[in-house]
Amino acid sequence: MGDRSVKEQVLSGLSITVKALAAFATIATFWAAIIAVTSPERVRPESFLLRRWALGTHSFIVAWICLAVATAILVLTMDRWVKILPGFFFSATVFPLIMLSGRRYHGVPVPWNVGWSLLFFTISAAIISLTFQERRLHVIDRVALMVFLFCLGIGMTPNVSTMFTALGIGFAFLVLAWAVDRFLRRRRRNSSNPHLYDSATDGADRH
């Protein structure tokens, strides 16, 4: 029994590791494809996988194919990867902290306001992504999460204005999905307890 338990734990650990690596590879492909589609001038032929494929000059088509496949996988597996989203963003706070500690990132000077803004964004994204674990995902949640991931890909740019615009739009979609869920919950609660509302209004009228 003990040996079987250890074996099950090992297999479970390997399964989790494989799934985490697969999720990372899918998201990395998704973001890389977004960059290749939206900013092909940022793609370096000597280092980017898509440019090494046999299609050569048709790498733009390959980028669209990779984007479509990665998007389909992310949509189908959303109920799973949404659970690791808070941990991902809490871990990502390391990068703005590095920027703030040395005021440089990969040798590039980083203004303090950029570092603090990114730190605030990663913490806020981690907190609001926790709320998606508390409920069954609806259509608006799924749309918001995919738009958010897309905006993260757009935001991976050295252009600070474009980066913050993309991150702001993506975060706004998460807030919108959260607000809609709160509204629907409150409406369902009121509709399931109509007498509670009636008694409250009657009491107010008596006074």
Protein backbone atom coordinates (compact mmCIF):
# COMPACT_ATOMS: atom_id res chain seq x y z
CA MET A 1 0.00 0.00 0.00
CA GLY A 2 2.81 2.34 0.92
CA ASP A 3 4.72 1.66 -2.31
CA ARG A 4 1.57 2.16 -4.34
CA SER A 5 0.87 5.43 -2.58
CA VAL A 6 4.37 6.69 -3.37
CA LYS A 7 3.98 5.60 -6.98
CA GLU A 8 0.66 7.42 -7.26
CA GLN A 9 2.21 10.56 -5.80
CA VAL A 10 5.10 10.40 -8.28
CA LEU A 11 2.73 9.90 -11.20
CA SER A 12 0.52 12.71 -9.96
CA GLY A 13 3.52 15.01 -9.66
CA LEU A 14 4.70 14.12 -13.16
CA SER A 15 1.21 14.70 -14.52
CA ILE A 16 1.01 18.14 -12.93
CA THR A 17 4.47 19.02 -14.25
CA VAL A 18 3.62 17.92 -17.79
CA LYS A 19 0.35 19.86 -17.71
CA ALA A 20 2.10 22.97 -16.39
CA LEU A 21 4.76 22.76 -19.11
CA ALA A 22 2.10 22.22 -21.77
CA ALA A 23 0.15 25.23 -20.50
CA PHE A 24 3.30 27.36 -20.49
CA ALA A 25 4.20 26.25 -24.02
CA THR A 26 0.69 27.00 -25.26
CA ILE A 27 0.58 30.48 -23.73
CA ALA A 28 4.12 31.22 -24.96
CA THR A 29 3.12 30.14 -28.49
CA PHE A 30 -0.03 32.28 -28.22
CA TRP A 31 1.92 35.39 -27.20
CA ALA A 32 4.71 34.77 -29.73
CA ALA A 33 2.15 34.38 -32.51
CA ILE A 34 0.45 37.63 -31.47
CA ILE A 35 3.78 39.45 -31.65
CA ALA A 36 4.55 37.89 -35.06
CA VAL A 37 1.11 38.89 -36.40
CA THR A 38 0.83 42.39 -34.96
CA SER A 39 4.50 43.42 -35.01
CA PRO A 40 6.35 41.34 -37.64
CA GLU A 41 9.23 43.82 -37.58
CA ARG A 42 10.04 42.63 -34.05
CA VAL A 43 10.55 39.05 -35.23
CA ARG A 44 14.23 38.16 -35.56
CA PRO A 45 14.84 35.62 -38.33
CA GLU A 46 17.81 34.07 -36.57
CA SER A 47 16.02 33.33 -33.32
CA PHE A 48 12.31 33.00 -33.84
CA LEU A 49 11.00 29.49 -34.38
CA LEU A 50 8.41 30.44 -37.00
CA ARG A 51 11.06 31.87 -39.34
CA ARG A 52 13.03 28.60 -39.24
CA TRP A 53 10.22 26.50 -40.58
CA ALA A 54 10.27 25.21 -44.13
CA LEU A 55 7.56 27.66 -45.17
CA GLY A 56 10.16 30.43 -45.22
CA THR A 57 8.53 33.59 -46.52
CA HIS A 58 5.13 32.23 -45.51
CA SER A 59 5.99 32.51 -41.81
CA PHE A 60 3.22 35.09 -41.44
CA ILE A 61 0.72 32.36 -42.33
CA VAL A 62 2.41 30.02 -39.85
CA ALA A 63 2.00 32.69 -37.16
CA TRP A 64 -1.74 32.85 -37.85
CA ILE A 65 -1.99 29.06 -37.74
CA CYS A 66 -0.12 28.94 -34.42
CA LEU A 67 -2.35 31.70 -33.07
CA ALA A 68 -5.52 29.84 -34.11
CA VAL A 69 -4.35 26.51 -32.65
CA ALA A 70 -3.13 28.08 -29.38
CA THR A 71 -6.37 30.06 -29.05
CA ALA A 72 -8.46 26.91 -29.51
CA ILE A 73 -6.44 25.06 -26.88
CA LEU A 74 -6.68 27.93 -24.41
CA VAL A 75 -10.45 28.22 -24.88
CA LEU A 76 -10.98 24.48 -24.42
CA THR A 77 -8.75 24.26 -21.33
CA MET A 78 -9.74 27.57 -19.74
CA ASP A 79 -11.39 25.95 -16.71
CA ARG A 80 -8.00 24.46 -15.81
CA TRP A 81 -5.49 27.22 -16.51
CA VAL A 82 -7.64 29.91 -14.90
CA LYS A 83 -6.82 28.24 -11.58
CA ILE A 84 -3.09 28.91 -11.93
CA LEU A 85 -3.54 32.49 -13.14
CA PRO A 86 -3.30 34.08 -9.65
CA GLY A 87 -0.09 32.19 -8.90
CA PHE A 88 1.34 33.24 -12.24
CA PHE A 89 0.76 36.94 -11.54
CA PHE A 90 1.91 36.77 -7.94
CA SER A 91 5.13 35.19 -9.27
CA ALA A 92 5.36 37.86 -11.95
CA THR A 93 5.68 40.56 -9.28
CA VAL A 94 9.35 39.57 -9.14
CA PHE A 95 10.04 41.37 -12.42
CA PRO A 96 8.82 44.85 -11.44
CA LEU A 97 10.55 44.41 -8.09
CA ILE A 98 13.80 43.77 -9.97
CA MET A 99 13.14 46.91 -12.02
CA LEU A 100 12.53 48.95 -8.87
CA SER A 101 15.59 47.60 -7.04
CA GLY A 102 18.09 48.30 -9.81
CA ARG A 103 16.13 50.74 -11.98
CA ARG A 104 17.28 48.59 -14.92
CA TYR A 105 15.97 45.46 -16.63
CA HIS A 106 18.18 43.48 -19.02
CA GLY A 107 20.49 46.47 -19.09
CA VAL A 108 17.70 48.87 -20.09
CA PRO A 109 16.92 51.81 -17.77
CA VAL A 110 13.40 51.59 -16.31
CA PRO A 111 11.69 54.73 -14.93
CA TRP A 112 10.42 54.30 -11.38
CA ASN A 113 6.82 55.08 -12.39
CA VAL A 114 6.89 52.22 -14.93
CA GLY A 115 8.18 49.79 -12.32
CA TRP A 116 5.57 50.80 -9.75
CA SER A 117 2.78 50.69 -12.35
CA LEU A 118 3.75 47.17 -13.41
CA LEU A 119 3.94 46.07 -9.78
CA PHE A 120 0.45 47.47 -9.15
CA PHE A 121 -0.83 45.77 -12.31
CA THR A 122 0.55 42.31 -11.46
CA ILE A 123 -0.80 42.43 -7.89
CA SER A 124 -4.21 43.70 -9.05
CA ALA A 125 -4.40 41.09 -11.82
CA ALA A 126 -3.53 38.34 -9.33
CA ILE A 127 -6.24 39.51 -6.90
CA ILE A 128 -9.02 39.88 -9.46
CA SER A 129 -8.11 36.59 -11.15
CA LEU A 130 -8.79 34.90 -7.80
CA THR A 131 -12.47 35.79 -8.21
CA PHE A 132 -12.71 33.64 -11.35
CA GLN A 133 -11.99 30.56 -9.24
CA GLU A 134 -15.07 31.14 -7.09
CA ARG A 135 -17.62 30.62 -9.84
CA ARG A 136 -18.50 28.69 -12.93
CA LEU A 137 -17.16 30.55 -15.95
CA HIS A 138 -19.80 32.11 -18.18
CA VAL A 139 -19.47 33.46 -21.71
CA ILE A 140 -18.49 36.95 -20.58
CA ASP A 141 -15.82 35.47 -18.27
CA ARG A 142 -14.33 33.44 -21.12
CA VAL A 143 -14.36 36.40 -23.50
CA ALA A 144 -12.78 38.64 -20.85
CA LEU A 145 -10.03 36.13 -20.08
CA MET A 146 -9.13 35.65 -23.76
CA VAL A 147 -9.12 39.41 -24.37
CA PHE A 148 -6.92 39.77 -21.31
CA LEU A 149 -4.41 37.21 -22.62
CA PHE A 150 -4.46 38.87 -26.03
CA CYS A 151 -3.79 42.27 -24.45
CA LEU A 152 -0.90 40.79 -22.46
CA GLY A 153 0.62 39.69 -25.77
CA ILE A 154 0.11 43.15 -27.27
CA GLY A 155 1.58 44.68 -24.12
CA MET A 156 4.89 42.86 -24.58
CA THR A 157 6.41 45.81 -26.37
CA PRO A 158 9.15 48.33 -25.58
CA ASN A 159 6.65 51.10 -26.37
CA VAL A 160 5.49 52.16 -22.89
CA SER A 161 2.35 53.89 -24.14
CA THR A 162 1.21 50.84 -26.12
CA MET A 163 2.09 48.53 -23.24
CA PHE A 164 0.02 50.39 -20.65
CA THR A 165 -2.89 50.90 -23.06
CA ALA A 166 -3.02 47.16 -23.79
CA LEU A 167 -2.65 46.18 -20.12
CA GLY A 168 -5.31 48.70 -19.12
CA ILE A 169 -7.81 47.39 -21.67
CA GLY A 170 -7.17 43.78 -20.67
CA PHE A 171 -7.56 44.58 -16.98
CA ALA A 172 -10.76 46.54 -17.69
CA PHE A 173 -12.27 43.42 -19.27
CA LEU A 174 -11.51 41.41 -16.13
CA VAL A 175 -13.12 44.09 -13.97
CA LEU A 176 -16.15 44.18 -16.28
CA ALA A 177 -16.59 40.40 -16.03
CA TRP A 178 -16.28 40.60 -12.24
CA ALA A 179 -18.84 43.43 -12.05
CA VAL A 180 -21.32 41.57 -14.27
CA ASP A 181 -20.97 38.45 -12.13
CA ARG A 182 -21.62 40.47 -8.96
CA PHE A 183 -24.68 42.07 -10.55
CA LEU A 184 -26.10 38.72 -11.69
CA ARG A 185 -25.51 37.17 -8.27
CA ARG A 186 -27.29 40.02 -6.54
CA ARG A 187 -30.21 39.86 -8.95
CA ARG A 188 -30.53 36.08 -8.46
CA ARG A 189 -30.42 36.55 -4.69
CA ASN A 190 -33.16 39.17 -4.78
CA SER A 191 -35.33 37.13 -7.15
CA SER A 192 -35.02 34.04 -4.92
CA ASN A 193 -35.99 36.07 -1.81
CA PRO A 194 -38.71 38.48 -2.99
CA HIS A 195 -40.36 38.60 0.46
CA LEU A 196 -37.17 39.96 1.98
CA TYR A 197 -37.33 42.97 -0.31
CA ASP A 198 -41.08 43.43 0.28
CA SER A 199 -40.75 43.35 4.06
CA ALA A 200 -37.92 45.86 3.91
CA THR A 201 -39.98 48.28 1.81
CA ASP A 202 -43.06 47.79 4.01
CA GLY A 203 -41.03 48.61 7.09
CA ALA A 204 -39.73 51.76 5.45
CA ASP A 205 -43.26 52.82 4.50
CA ARG A 206 -44.50 52.41 8.06
CA HIS A 207 -41.79 54.75 9.30
